[in-house]
Amino acid sequence: MRKNEKIRYEIDPFNRVIIPRFRTILDGEFRVSKNNLLCYRVKAPSSSPPQQLKLSGNWTLDKDHNLMLILDKENNQRQGDKLTLTGEIIDAKADELTFSLATKDCSQGTHFYLLKLGGRWQVDEYNRLNFLVSKETDIIDTLTFLGSWEVDRHNQIIYTYTQAGLKTKDKLTRLLTFKGFWDINEKNRISYVLNKEIGSRLDFRVSLGKPVDRGLQYEIGIGAGGARKKILLFGAWKLNERLGLTFEMPVEGGKNQEIILGATCKLNKDYNLELKLKNNRHEDMGMDLKLSRTFLKGLGQAYIEALKEGREISLVAGIGFRW
């Protein structure tokens, strides 16, 4: 090798490192350091190459959701080379993304192992899911997820993507489940919080919420093309003197997430409740809600009499009624 000549690396279909100049296939496994640096541990080391390779660059996803590293100029590697790790995304935690990889050893035995990247979740200006890979420097690599997502009956976000099979090349459907809780206290914005402490949350820009029979419906634009779809947060509205207005959302395990809101309310001519929703800072959320007279049952008589007199009553979030 000429002095100062950079080493070219490739990856074969079995996720093994190849050095084309020496026509060498290195038997080993990839690992990720705590700073999300890619390392390749060679199983059968010799004097050259070293026992462990360190590869640095920018992380991204290819169109099939395989993990790709675009090499930088460090570590005597050739800048701009693209290393693609073929595998499946099997888990998406608030601070970690897990890939399953398969490889073959020198005896053609197949082995499976996991590769984990640390970071946090956000959405971009097009409401697409992004995983921000944290690094030792202030630079952050962004993995953009271009598949579709929905909200299931337990109010969890389910991300769906397709991937070509390694052997048959048939399209396989993959699912990722995000575990978090919803925050609907902003106008034209809803948030799915995965980990509040590290800022791992999905803040979606949406239309004004529309209360419907099964919960709360929003319209959202996704992608650079401006495609729009409707999403439904499943739940039911409740009134009580202690909390005021709550939106109870079913979550996994048969439990409910309780979102407490404020409102101003009055009775209409049909003796149904009309409410204008407010967040916990008493700001108007731009949503109107109508509840039948059955919601008055069990409430204080003074509250009911005040409504019948045509007075407007405030429901202060978290502390019940005020007039």
C-alpha atoms as a PDB file:
ATOM      1  CA  MET A   1       0.000   0.000   0.000  1.00  0.00           C
ATOM      2  CA  ARG A   2       1.342   3.424  -0.932  1.00  0.00           C
ATOM      3  CA  LYS A   3       2.111   5.866   1.881  1.00  0.00           C
ATOM      4  CA  ASN A   4      -0.954   7.851   3.007  1.00  0.00           C
ATOM      5  CA  GLU A   5      -3.254   5.693   0.858  1.00  0.00           C
ATOM      6  CA  LYS A   6      -6.628   5.234   2.532  1.00  0.00           C
ATOM      7  CA  ILE A   7      -8.067   1.771   3.131  1.00  0.00           C
ATOM      8  CA  ARG A   8     -11.217   0.845   1.257  1.00  0.00           C
ATOM      9  CA  TYR A   9     -13.773  -1.249   3.120  1.00  0.00           C
ATOM     10  CA  GLU A  10     -16.837  -3.117   1.883  1.00  0.00           C
ATOM     11  CA  ILE A  11     -19.451  -5.359   3.525  1.00  0.00           C
ATOM     12  CA  ASP A  12     -20.564  -8.642   1.955  1.00  0.00           C
ATOM     13  CA  PRO A  13     -24.171 -10.034   2.060  1.00  0.00           C
ATOM     14  CA  PHE A  14     -23.311 -11.850   5.316  1.00  0.00           C
ATOM     15  CA  ASN A  15     -22.369  -8.619   7.141  1.00  0.00           C
ATOM     16  CA  ARG A  16     -18.619  -9.349   7.039  1.00  0.00           C
ATOM     17  CA  VAL A  17     -15.945  -6.778   6.324  1.00  0.00           C
ATOM     18  CA  ILE A  18     -14.073  -7.071   3.034  1.00  0.00           C
ATOM     19  CA  ILE A  19     -10.812  -5.305   2.174  1.00  0.00           C
ATOM     20  CA  PRO A  20     -10.844  -5.468  -1.664  1.00  0.00           C
ATOM     21  CA  ARG A  21      -7.193  -4.467  -2.106  1.00  0.00           C
ATOM     22  CA  PHE A  22      -6.023  -7.591  -0.288  1.00  0.00           C
ATOM     23  CA  ARG A  23      -9.000  -9.739  -1.424  1.00  0.00           C
ATOM     24  CA  THR A  24      -9.580 -10.429   2.247  1.00  0.00           C
ATOM     25  CA  ILE A  25     -12.830 -11.385   3.982  1.00  0.00           C
ATOM     26  CA  LEU A  26     -12.634 -10.802   7.725  1.00  0.00           C
ATOM     27  CA  ASP A  27     -14.629 -13.186   9.879  1.00  0.00           C
ATOM     28  CA  GLY A  28     -16.140 -11.272  12.790  1.00  0.00           C
ATOM     29  CA  GLU A  29     -19.028  -9.281  14.274  1.00  0.00           C
ATOM     30  CA  PHE A  30     -19.963  -5.623  14.467  1.00  0.00           C
ATOM     31  CA  ARG A  31     -20.413  -3.794  17.759  1.00  0.00           C
ATOM     32  CA  VAL A  32     -21.327  -0.204  18.628  1.00  0.00           C
ATOM     33  CA  SER A  33     -19.363   1.693  21.279  1.00  0.00           C
ATOM     34  CA  LYS A  34     -21.021   3.952  23.882  1.00  0.00           C
ATOM     35  CA  ASN A  35     -20.378   6.924  21.570  1.00  0.00           C
ATOM     36  CA  ASN A  36     -22.057   5.100  18.657  1.00  0.00           C
ATOM     37  CA  LEU A  37     -18.767   4.377  16.912  1.00  0.00           C
ATOM     38  CA  LEU A  38     -18.894   1.253  14.736  1.00  0.00           C
ATOM     39  CA  CYS A  39     -16.379  -1.437  15.650  1.00  0.00           C
ATOM     40  CA  TYR A  40     -15.685  -4.744  13.926  1.00  0.00           C
ATOM     41  CA  ARG A  41     -14.257  -7.484  16.134  1.00  0.00           C
ATOM     42  CA  VAL A  42     -12.235  -9.893  14.028  1.00  0.00           C
ATOM     43  CA  LYS A  43     -12.616 -13.475  15.257  1.00  0.00           C
ATOM     44  CA  ALA A  44      -9.441 -14.864  13.675  1.00  0.00           C
ATOM     45  CA  PRO A  45      -6.891 -12.076  14.102  1.00  0.00           C
ATOM     46  CA  SER A  46      -3.488 -12.082  12.474  1.00  0.00           C
ATOM     47  CA  SER A  47      -0.700  -9.516  12.491  1.00  0.00           C
ATOM     48  CA  SER A  48      -2.550  -7.601   9.780  1.00  0.00           C
ATOM     49  CA  PRO A  49      -5.305  -6.388   9.882  1.00  0.00           C
ATOM     50  CA  PRO A  50      -5.716  -5.549  13.615  1.00  0.00           C
ATOM     51  CA  GLN A  51      -7.973  -7.532  15.945  1.00  0.00           C
ATOM     52  CA  GLN A  52     -10.590  -4.777  16.055  1.00  0.00           C
ATOM     53  CA  LEU A  53     -11.417  -2.187  13.396  1.00  0.00           C
ATOM     54  CA  LYS A  54     -12.868   1.187  14.335  1.00  0.00           C
ATOM     55  CA  LEU A  55     -15.017   2.790  11.657  1.00  0.00           C
ATOM     56  CA  SER A  56     -16.442   6.288  11.992  1.00  0.00           C
ATOM     57  CA  GLY A  57     -18.855   8.331   9.906  1.00  0.00           C
ATOM     58  CA  ASN A  58     -22.478   9.380   9.580  1.00  0.00           C
ATOM     59  CA  TRP A  59     -25.324   6.988  10.338  1.00  0.00           C
ATOM     60  CA  THR A  60     -28.389   6.794   8.079  1.00  0.00           C
ATOM     61  CA  LEU A  61     -30.985   4.321   6.757  1.00  0.00           C
ATOM     62  CA  ASP A  62     -31.275   3.044   3.203  1.00  0.00           C
ATOM     63  CA  LYS A  63     -34.627   2.644   1.415  1.00  0.00           C
ATOM     64  CA  ASP A  64     -35.085  -0.866   2.890  1.00  0.00           C
ATOM     65  CA  HIS A  65     -34.424   0.317   6.469  1.00  0.00           C
ATOM     66  CA  ASN A  66     -30.989  -1.272   6.558  1.00  0.00           C
ATOM     67  CA  LEU A  67     -28.422   0.543   8.667  1.00  0.00           C
ATOM     68  CA  MET A  68     -25.809   2.459   6.676  1.00  0.00           C
ATOM     69  CA  LEU A  69     -22.583   4.190   7.726  1.00  0.00           C
ATOM     70  CA  ILE A  70     -21.032   6.762   5.368  1.00  0.00           C
ATOM     71  CA  LEU A  71     -17.353   6.831   6.299  1.00  0.00           C
ATOM     72  CA  ASP A  72     -15.525  10.036   7.197  1.00  0.00           C
ATOM     73  CA  LYS A  73     -11.800  10.760   6.787  1.00  0.00           C
ATOM     74  CA  GLU A  74     -10.733   9.413  10.188  1.00  0.00           C
ATOM     75  CA  ASN A  75      -9.077   6.066  11.050  1.00  0.00           C
ATOM     76  CA  ASN A  76      -7.176   5.823   7.753  1.00  0.00           C
ATOM     77  CA  GLN A  77     -10.406   4.898   5.943  1.00  0.00           C
ATOM     78  CA  ARG A  78     -11.572   6.180   2.551  1.00  0.00           C
ATOM     79  CA  GLN A  79     -14.010   9.052   3.026  1.00  0.00           C
ATOM     80  CA  GLY A  80     -17.423   8.677   1.379  1.00  0.00           C
ATOM     81  CA  ASP A  81     -17.500   4.871   1.243  1.00  0.00           C
ATOM     82  CA  LYS A  82     -20.917   3.474   2.232  1.00  0.00           C
ATOM     83  CA  LEU A  83     -21.122   0.435   4.475  1.00  0.00           C
ATOM     84  CA  THR A  84     -24.582  -1.175   4.570  1.00  0.00           C
ATOM     85  CA  LEU A  85     -25.499  -3.562   7.379  1.00  0.00           C
ATOM     86  CA  THR A  86     -28.354  -5.770   6.211  1.00  0.00           C
ATOM     87  CA  GLY A  87     -30.771  -6.676   8.966  1.00  0.00           C
ATOM     88  CA  GLU A  88     -34.059  -6.018  10.729  1.00  0.00           C
ATOM     89  CA  ILE A  89     -35.063  -3.306  13.191  1.00  0.00           C
ATOM     90  CA  ILE A  90     -36.583  -5.250  16.078  1.00  0.00           C
ATOM     91  CA  ASP A  91     -37.052  -2.705  18.867  1.00  0.00           C
ATOM     92  CA  ALA A  92     -37.494   1.044  19.304  1.00  0.00           C
ATOM     93  CA  LYS A  93     -37.030   2.299  22.865  1.00  0.00           C
ATOM     94  CA  ALA A  94     -37.051   5.924  23.970  1.00  0.00           C
ATOM     95  CA  ASP A  95     -33.243   6.062  23.982  1.00  0.00           C
ATOM     96  CA  GLU A  96     -32.195   3.087  21.861  1.00  0.00           C
ATOM     97  CA  LEU A  97     -32.747   1.494  18.454  1.00  0.00           C
ATOM     98  CA  THR A  98     -31.994  -2.230  18.098  1.00  0.00           C
ATOM     99  CA  PHE A  99     -31.063  -4.063  14.878  1.00  0.00           C
ATOM    100  CA  SER A 100     -30.818  -7.815  14.403  1.00  0.00           C
ATOM    101  CA  LEU A 101     -27.988  -8.935  12.096  1.00  0.00           C
ATOM    102  CA  ALA A 102     -26.974 -12.320  10.708  1.00  0.00           C
ATOM    103  CA  THR A 103     -23.484 -13.391   9.671  1.00  0.00           C
ATOM    104  CA  LYS A 104     -21.566 -16.503   8.614  1.00  0.00           C
ATOM    105  CA  ASP A 105     -18.302 -17.753  10.028  1.00  0.00           C
ATOM    106  CA  CYS A 106     -15.435 -19.348   8.093  1.00  0.00           C
ATOM    107  CA  SER A 107     -17.159 -22.754   8.437  1.00  0.00           C
ATOM    108  CA  GLN A 108     -20.373 -21.335   6.882  1.00  0.00           C
ATOM    109  CA  GLY A 109     -22.224 -21.482  10.210  1.00  0.00           C
ATOM    110  CA  THR A 110     -24.891 -18.793  10.642  1.00  0.00           C
ATOM    111  CA  HIS A 111     -24.894 -16.555  13.715  1.00  0.00           C
ATOM    112  CA  PHE A 112     -27.305 -13.822  14.862  1.00  0.00           C
ATOM    113  CA  TYR A 113     -26.487 -10.855  17.061  1.00  0.00           C
ATOM    114  CA  LEU A 114     -27.858  -7.436  18.037  1.00  0.00           C
ATOM    115  CA  LEU A 115     -26.569  -3.976  17.240  1.00  0.00           C
ATOM    116  CA  LYS A 116     -27.803  -1.059  19.367  1.00  0.00           C
ATOM    117  CA  LEU A 117     -27.622   2.671  18.656  1.00  0.00           C
ATOM    118  CA  GLY A 118     -28.220   5.205  21.424  1.00  0.00           C
ATOM    119  CA  GLY A 119     -30.133   8.437  20.925  1.00  0.00           C
ATOM    120  CA  ARG A 120     -33.631   9.915  21.118  1.00  0.00           C
ATOM    121  CA  TRP A 121     -36.758  10.355  18.990  1.00  0.00           C
ATOM    122  CA  GLN A 122     -38.190  13.481  17.375  1.00  0.00           C
ATOM    123  CA  VAL A 123     -40.245  14.364  14.287  1.00  0.00           C
ATOM    124  CA  ASP A 124     -39.119  16.626  11.454  1.00  0.00           C
ATOM    125  CA  GLU A 125     -41.022  19.452   9.763  1.00  0.00           C
ATOM    126  CA  TYR A 126     -42.943  16.864   7.703  1.00  0.00           C
ATOM    127  CA  ASN A 127     -44.166  14.896  10.776  1.00  0.00           C
ATOM    128  CA  ARG A 128     -41.844  11.990   9.887  1.00  0.00           C
ATOM    129  CA  LEU A 129     -40.314   9.910  12.684  1.00  0.00           C
ATOM    130  CA  ASN A 130     -36.604  10.541  13.219  1.00  0.00           C
ATOM    131  CA  PHE A 131     -34.104   8.819  15.484  1.00  0.00           C
ATOM    132  CA  LEU A 132     -31.282  11.194  16.455  1.00  0.00           C
ATOM    133  CA  VAL A 133     -28.068   9.249  17.020  1.00  0.00           C
ATOM    134  CA  SER A 134     -25.955  10.844  19.735  1.00  0.00           C
ATOM    135  CA  LYS A 135     -22.187  11.043  19.236  1.00  0.00           C
ATOM    136  CA  GLU A 136     -19.135  12.171  21.156  1.00  0.00           C
ATOM    137  CA  THR A 137     -19.155  15.516  19.350  1.00  0.00           C
ATOM    138  CA  ASP A 138     -22.110  17.918  19.084  1.00  0.00           C
ATOM    139  CA  ILE A 139     -22.917  16.497  15.633  1.00  0.00           C
ATOM    140  CA  ILE A 140     -26.085  14.373  15.537  1.00  0.00           C
ATOM    141  CA  ASP A 141     -26.871  11.807  12.842  1.00  0.00           C
ATOM    142  CA  THR A 142     -30.515  11.510  11.783  1.00  0.00           C
ATOM    143  CA  LEU A 143     -32.215   8.270  10.797  1.00  0.00           C
ATOM    144  CA  THR A 144     -35.421   9.224   8.946  1.00  0.00           C
ATOM    145  CA  PHE A 145     -38.239   6.669   8.895  1.00  0.00           C
ATOM    146  CA  LEU A 146     -40.206   6.963   5.657  1.00  0.00           C
ATOM    147  CA  GLY A 147     -42.771   4.228   6.317  1.00  0.00           C
ATOM    148  CA  SER A 148     -46.283   4.771   7.671  1.00  0.00           C
ATOM    149  CA  TRP A 149     -47.521   4.842  11.258  1.00  0.00           C
ATOM    150  CA  GLU A 150     -50.906   4.465  12.943  1.00  0.00           C
ATOM    151  CA  VAL A 151     -52.372   4.668  16.446  1.00  0.00           C
ATOM    152  CA  ASP A 152     -53.710   1.331  17.712  1.00  0.00           C
ATOM    153  CA  ARG A 153     -56.601   0.638  20.125  1.00  0.00           C
ATOM    154  CA  HIS A 154     -54.213   0.996  23.075  1.00  0.00           C
ATOM    155  CA  ASN A 155     -53.161   4.459  21.829  1.00  0.00           C
ATOM    156  CA  GLN A 156     -49.662   3.249  20.967  1.00  0.00           C
ATOM    157  CA  ILE A 157     -47.891   4.342  17.794  1.00  0.00           C
ATOM    158  CA  ILE A 158     -47.284   1.419  15.429  1.00  0.00           C
ATOM    159  CA  TYR A 159     -44.740   2.021  12.644  1.00  0.00           C
ATOM    160  CA  THR A 160     -44.910  -0.195   9.526  1.00  0.00           C
ATOM    161  CA  TYR A 161     -42.308  -0.681   6.806  1.00  0.00           C
ATOM    162  CA  THR A 162     -41.518  -3.213   4.104  1.00  0.00           C
ATOM    163  CA  GLN A 163     -38.210  -4.918   3.487  1.00  0.00           C
ATOM    164  CA  ALA A 164     -36.960  -7.298   0.812  1.00  0.00           C
ATOM    165  CA  GLY A 165     -36.188 -10.826   2.068  1.00  0.00           C
ATOM    166  CA  LEU A 166     -32.551 -11.913   1.802  1.00  0.00           C
ATOM    167  CA  LYS A 167     -33.268 -15.189  -0.017  1.00  0.00           C
ATOM    168  CA  THR A 168     -36.554 -14.801  -1.901  1.00  0.00           C
ATOM    169  CA  LYS A 169     -36.504 -10.989  -2.248  1.00  0.00           C
ATOM    170  CA  ASP A 170     -40.213 -11.027  -1.427  1.00  0.00           C
ATOM    171  CA  LYS A 171     -41.454  -7.961   0.432  1.00  0.00           C
ATOM    172  CA  LEU A 172     -41.744  -8.544   4.177  1.00  0.00           C
ATOM    173  CA  THR A 173     -43.826  -6.344   6.479  1.00  0.00           C
ATOM    174  CA  ARG A 174     -42.144  -5.218   9.687  1.00  0.00           C
ATOM    175  CA  LEU A 175     -43.769  -3.528  12.692  1.00  0.00           C
ATOM    176  CA  LEU A 176     -42.295  -1.350  15.433  1.00  0.00           C
ATOM    177  CA  THR A 177     -44.264  -0.451  18.569  1.00  0.00           C
ATOM    178  CA  PHE A 178     -43.519   2.793  20.406  1.00  0.00           C
ATOM    179  CA  LYS A 179     -44.402   2.843  24.104  1.00  0.00           C
ATOM    180  CA  GLY A 180     -45.203   6.266  25.513  1.00  0.00           C
ATOM    181  CA  PHE A 181     -48.067   8.523  26.567  1.00  0.00           C
ATOM    182  CA  TRP A 182     -49.989  11.329  24.873  1.00  0.00           C
ATOM    183  CA  ASP A 183     -49.957  15.039  25.733  1.00  0.00           C
ATOM    184  CA  ILE A 184     -52.770  17.034  24.062  1.00  0.00           C
ATOM    185  CA  ASN A 185     -52.379  20.329  25.942  1.00  0.00           C
ATOM    186  CA  GLU A 186     -51.297  22.453  22.954  1.00  0.00           C
ATOM    187  CA  LYS A 187     -53.315  24.054  20.175  1.00  0.00           C
ATOM    188  CA  ASN A 188     -52.556  22.498  16.751  1.00  0.00           C
ATOM    189  CA  ARG A 189     -50.024  20.134  18.322  1.00  0.00           C
ATOM    190  CA  ILE A 190     -50.137  16.737  20.002  1.00  0.00           C
ATOM    191  CA  SER A 191     -47.156  14.980  21.547  1.00  0.00           C
ATOM    192  CA  TYR A 192     -46.298  11.344  22.124  1.00  0.00           C
ATOM    193  CA  VAL A 193     -43.811  11.372  25.008  1.00  0.00           C
ATOM    194  CA  LEU A 194     -41.343   8.482  25.176  1.00  0.00           C
ATOM    195  CA  ASN A 195     -38.926   9.876  27.770  1.00  0.00           C
ATOM    196  CA  LYS A 196     -39.486  13.392  29.067  1.00  0.00           C
ATOM    197  CA  GLU A 197     -36.106  13.675  30.820  1.00  0.00           C
ATOM    198  CA  ILE A 198     -34.011  13.209  27.666  1.00  0.00           C
ATOM    199  CA  GLY A 199     -36.412  15.008  25.303  1.00  0.00           C
ATOM    200  CA  SER A 200     -37.380  11.848  23.435  1.00  0.00           C
ATOM    201  CA  ARG A 201     -40.830  12.798  22.158  1.00  0.00           C
ATOM    202  CA  LEU A 202     -42.822  13.044  18.941  1.00  0.00           C
ATOM    203  CA  ASP A 203     -44.392  16.515  18.594  1.00  0.00           C
ATOM    204  CA  PHE A 204     -46.862  16.391  15.701  1.00  0.00           C
ATOM    205  CA  ARG A 205     -48.344  19.453  14.015  1.00  0.00           C
ATOM    206  CA  VAL A 206     -52.040  18.752  13.455  1.00  0.00           C
ATOM    207  CA  SER A 207     -55.397  20.355  12.745  1.00  0.00           C
ATOM    208  CA  LEU A 208     -57.681  21.358  15.599  1.00  0.00           C
ATOM    209  CA  GLY A 209     -58.923  18.307  17.461  1.00  0.00           C
ATOM    210  CA  LYS A 210     -62.443  17.109  16.785  1.00  0.00           C
ATOM    211  CA  PRO A 211     -64.238  15.183  19.559  1.00  0.00           C
ATOM    212  CA  VAL A 212     -65.986  12.123  18.086  1.00  0.00           C
ATOM    213  CA  ASP A 213     -67.889   9.168  19.542  1.00  0.00           C
ATOM    214  CA  ARG A 214     -64.778   7.005  20.022  1.00  0.00           C
ATOM    215  CA  GLY A 215     -62.354   9.706  21.166  1.00  0.00           C
ATOM    216  CA  LEU A 216     -60.503  12.647  19.662  1.00  0.00           C
ATOM    217  CA  GLN A 217     -59.753  12.945  15.945  1.00  0.00           C
ATOM    218  CA  TYR A 218     -57.036  14.979  14.230  1.00  0.00           C
ATOM    219  CA  GLU A 219     -55.905  15.536  10.666  1.00  0.00           C
ATOM    220  CA  ILE A 220     -52.182  15.440  10.037  1.00  0.00           C
ATOM    221  CA  GLY A 221     -49.905  16.069   7.060  1.00  0.00           C
ATOM    222  CA  ILE A 222     -47.052  13.595   6.547  1.00  0.00           C
ATOM    223  CA  GLY A 223     -44.145  13.710   4.109  1.00  0.00           C
ATOM    224  CA  ALA A 224     -42.742  16.360   1.796  1.00  0.00           C
ATOM    225  CA  GLY A 225     -45.625  15.747  -0.637  1.00  0.00           C
ATOM    226  CA  GLY A 226     -48.164  17.028   1.862  1.00  0.00           C
ATOM    227  CA  ALA A 227     -50.270  13.853   2.022  1.00  0.00           C
ATOM    228  CA  ARG A 228     -52.892  14.110   4.776  1.00  0.00           C
ATOM    229  CA  LYS A 229     -54.539  11.472   6.927  1.00  0.00           C
ATOM    230  CA  LYS A 230     -56.742  11.259   9.992  1.00  0.00           C
ATOM    231  CA  ILE A 231     -55.628   9.802  13.295  1.00  0.00           C
ATOM    232  CA  LEU A 232     -57.848   8.899  16.218  1.00  0.00           C
ATOM    233  CA  LEU A 233     -56.875   8.935  19.874  1.00  0.00           C
ATOM    234  CA  PHE A 234     -59.261   6.481  21.514  1.00  0.00           C
ATOM    235  CA  GLY A 235     -60.923   7.562  24.743  1.00  0.00           C
ATOM    236  CA  ALA A 236     -63.938   8.873  26.634  1.00  0.00           C
ATOM    237  CA  TRP A 237     -64.813  12.201  28.261  1.00  0.00           C
ATOM    238  CA  LYS A 238     -65.587  12.350  31.989  1.00  0.00           C
ATOM    239  CA  LEU A 239     -66.747  15.096  34.399  1.00  0.00           C
ATOM    240  CA  ASN A 240     -66.293  15.169  38.163  1.00  0.00           C
ATOM    241  CA  GLU A 241     -66.179  17.786  40.910  1.00  0.00           C
ATOM    242  CA  ARG A 242     -62.642  16.909  42.016  1.00  0.00           C
ATOM    243  CA  LEU A 243     -60.802  17.112  38.665  1.00  0.00           C
ATOM    244  CA  GLY A 244     -63.228  18.800  36.309  1.00  0.00           C
ATOM    245  CA  LEU A 245     -62.987  17.566  32.704  1.00  0.00           C
ATOM    246  CA  THR A 246     -60.878  14.500  31.898  1.00  0.00           C
ATOM    247  CA  PHE A 247     -60.157  12.518  28.754  1.00  0.00           C
ATOM    248  CA  GLU A 248     -59.549   8.870  29.657  1.00  0.00           C
ATOM    249  CA  MET A 249     -57.504   6.944  27.109  1.00  0.00           C
ATOM    250  CA  PRO A 250     -57.144   3.122  27.169  1.00  0.00           C
ATOM    251  CA  VAL A 251     -53.528   1.941  27.258  1.00  0.00           C
ATOM    252  CA  GLU A 252     -51.804  -1.432  27.169  1.00  0.00           C
ATOM    253  CA  GLY A 253     -52.562  -3.673  30.129  1.00  0.00           C
ATOM    254  CA  GLY A 254     -56.201  -2.671  30.536  1.00  0.00           C
ATOM    255  CA  LYS A 255     -55.400   0.626  32.248  1.00  0.00           C
ATOM    256  CA  ASN A 256     -56.336   4.219  31.377  1.00  0.00           C
ATOM    257  CA  GLN A 257     -54.258   7.337  30.867  1.00  0.00           C
ATOM    258  CA  GLU A 258     -56.111  10.330  32.327  1.00  0.00           C
ATOM    259  CA  ILE A 259     -55.582  13.729  30.683  1.00  0.00           C
ATOM    260  CA  ILE A 260     -56.977  16.606  32.760  1.00  0.00           C
ATOM    261  CA  LEU A 261     -58.241  19.685  30.921  1.00  0.00           C
ATOM    262  CA  GLY A 262     -60.024  22.901  31.743  1.00  0.00           C
ATOM    263  CA  ALA A 263     -63.040  24.400  29.985  1.00  0.00           C
ATOM    264  CA  THR A 264     -65.765  26.991  30.116  1.00  0.00           C
ATOM    265  CA  CYS A 265     -69.210  25.447  29.926  1.00  0.00           C
ATOM    266  CA  LYS A 266     -72.892  26.274  29.734  1.00  0.00           C
ATOM    267  CA  LEU A 267     -76.209  24.544  29.066  1.00  0.00           C
ATOM    268  CA  ASN A 268     -77.799  24.934  25.645  1.00  0.00           C
ATOM    269  CA  LYS A 269     -81.534  25.019  25.006  1.00  0.00           C
ATOM    270  CA  ASP A 270     -81.667  21.211  24.939  1.00  0.00           C
ATOM    271  CA  TYR A 271     -80.011  21.054  28.383  1.00  0.00           C
ATOM    272  CA  ASN A 272     -76.842  19.547  26.923  1.00  0.00           C
ATOM    273  CA  LEU A 273     -73.440  20.788  28.039  1.00  0.00           C
ATOM    274  CA  GLU A 274     -71.399  22.938  25.648  1.00  0.00           C
ATOM    275  CA  LEU A 275     -67.722  23.234  26.556  1.00  0.00           C
ATOM    276  CA  LYS A 276     -64.828  25.238  25.128  1.00  0.00           C
ATOM    277  CA  LEU A 277     -61.633  23.374  26.073  1.00  0.00           C
ATOM    278  CA  LYS A 278     -58.607  24.984  27.719  1.00  0.00           C
ATOM    279  CA  ASN A 279     -55.204  23.551  28.558  1.00  0.00           C
ATOM    280  CA  ASN A 280     -53.593  23.492  32.000  1.00  0.00           C
ATOM    281  CA  ARG A 281     -52.381  27.081  31.466  1.00  0.00           C
ATOM    282  CA  HIS A 282     -55.994  28.201  30.860  1.00  0.00           C
ATOM    283  CA  GLU A 283     -55.242  28.858  27.159  1.00  0.00           C
ATOM    284  CA  ASP A 284     -57.933  28.245  24.537  1.00  0.00           C
ATOM    285  CA  MET A 285     -57.338  24.997  22.625  1.00  0.00           C
ATOM    286  CA  GLY A 286     -59.795  25.826  19.841  1.00  0.00           C
ATOM    287  CA  MET A 287     -61.919  22.724  20.529  1.00  0.00           C
ATOM    288  CA  ASP A 288     -65.639  22.637  21.327  1.00  0.00           C
ATOM    289  CA  LEU A 289     -67.233  19.656  23.034  1.00  0.00           C
ATOM    290  CA  LYS A 290     -70.899  18.799  23.531  1.00  0.00           C
ATOM    291  CA  LEU A 291     -71.949  16.371  26.256  1.00  0.00           C
ATOM    292  CA  SER A 292     -75.413  14.989  26.883  1.00  0.00           C
ATOM    293  CA  ARG A 293     -77.386  15.810  30.038  1.00  0.00           C
ATOM    294  CA  THR A 294     -76.436  12.420  31.498  1.00  0.00           C
ATOM    295  CA  PHE A 295     -73.043  13.890  32.374  1.00  0.00           C
ATOM    296  CA  LEU A 296     -74.767  16.084  34.994  1.00  0.00           C
ATOM    297  CA  LYS A 297     -75.653  13.073  37.133  1.00  0.00           C
ATOM    298  CA  GLY A 298     -73.648  12.895  40.330  1.00  0.00           C
ATOM    299  CA  LEU A 299     -72.447  16.508  40.148  1.00  0.00           C
ATOM    300  CA  GLY A 300     -73.075  19.088  42.858  1.00  0.00           C
ATOM    301  CA  GLN A 301     -76.546  20.620  42.961  1.00  0.00           C
ATOM    302  CA  ALA A 302     -75.111  24.129  43.163  1.00  0.00           C
ATOM    303  CA  TYR A 303     -73.232  23.481  39.945  1.00  0.00           C
ATOM    304  CA  ILE A 304     -76.378  22.264  38.176  1.00  0.00           C
ATOM    305  CA  GLU A 305     -78.461  25.226  39.429  1.00  0.00           C
ATOM    306  CA  ALA A 306     -75.818  27.692  38.220  1.00  0.00           C
ATOM    307  CA  LEU A 307     -75.924  26.119  34.755  1.00  0.00           C
ATOM    308  CA  LYS A 308     -79.728  26.261  34.697  1.00  0.00           C
ATOM    309  CA  GLU A 309     -79.548  29.971  35.495  1.00  0.00           C
ATOM    310  CA  GLY A 310     -77.579  30.415  32.288  1.00  0.00           C
ATOM    311  CA  ARG A 311     -74.307  31.192  34.024  1.00  0.00           C
ATOM    312  CA  GLU A 312     -71.012  30.258  32.374  1.00  0.00           C
ATOM    313  CA  ILE A 313     -68.876  28.047  34.596  1.00  0.00           C
ATOM    314  CA  SER A 314     -65.120  27.528  34.467  1.00  0.00           C
ATOM    315  CA  LEU A 315     -63.574  24.097  34.863  1.00  0.00           C
ATOM    316  CA  VAL A 316     -60.035  24.771  36.019  1.00  0.00           C
ATOM    317  CA  ALA A 317     -57.758  21.881  35.032  1.00  0.00           C
ATOM    318  CA  GLY A 318     -57.137  19.688  38.039  1.00  0.00           C
ATOM    319  CA  ILE A 319     -59.226  21.521  40.636  1.00  0.00           C
ATOM    320  CA  GLY A 320     -62.800  20.966  39.528  1.00  0.00           C
ATOM    321  CA  PHE A 321     -65.435  23.670  39.052  1.00  0.00           C
ATOM    322  CA  ARG A 322     -65.446  27.414  39.622  1.00  0.00           C
ATOM    323  CA  TRP A 323     -68.163  30.020  39.081  1.00  0.00           C
END
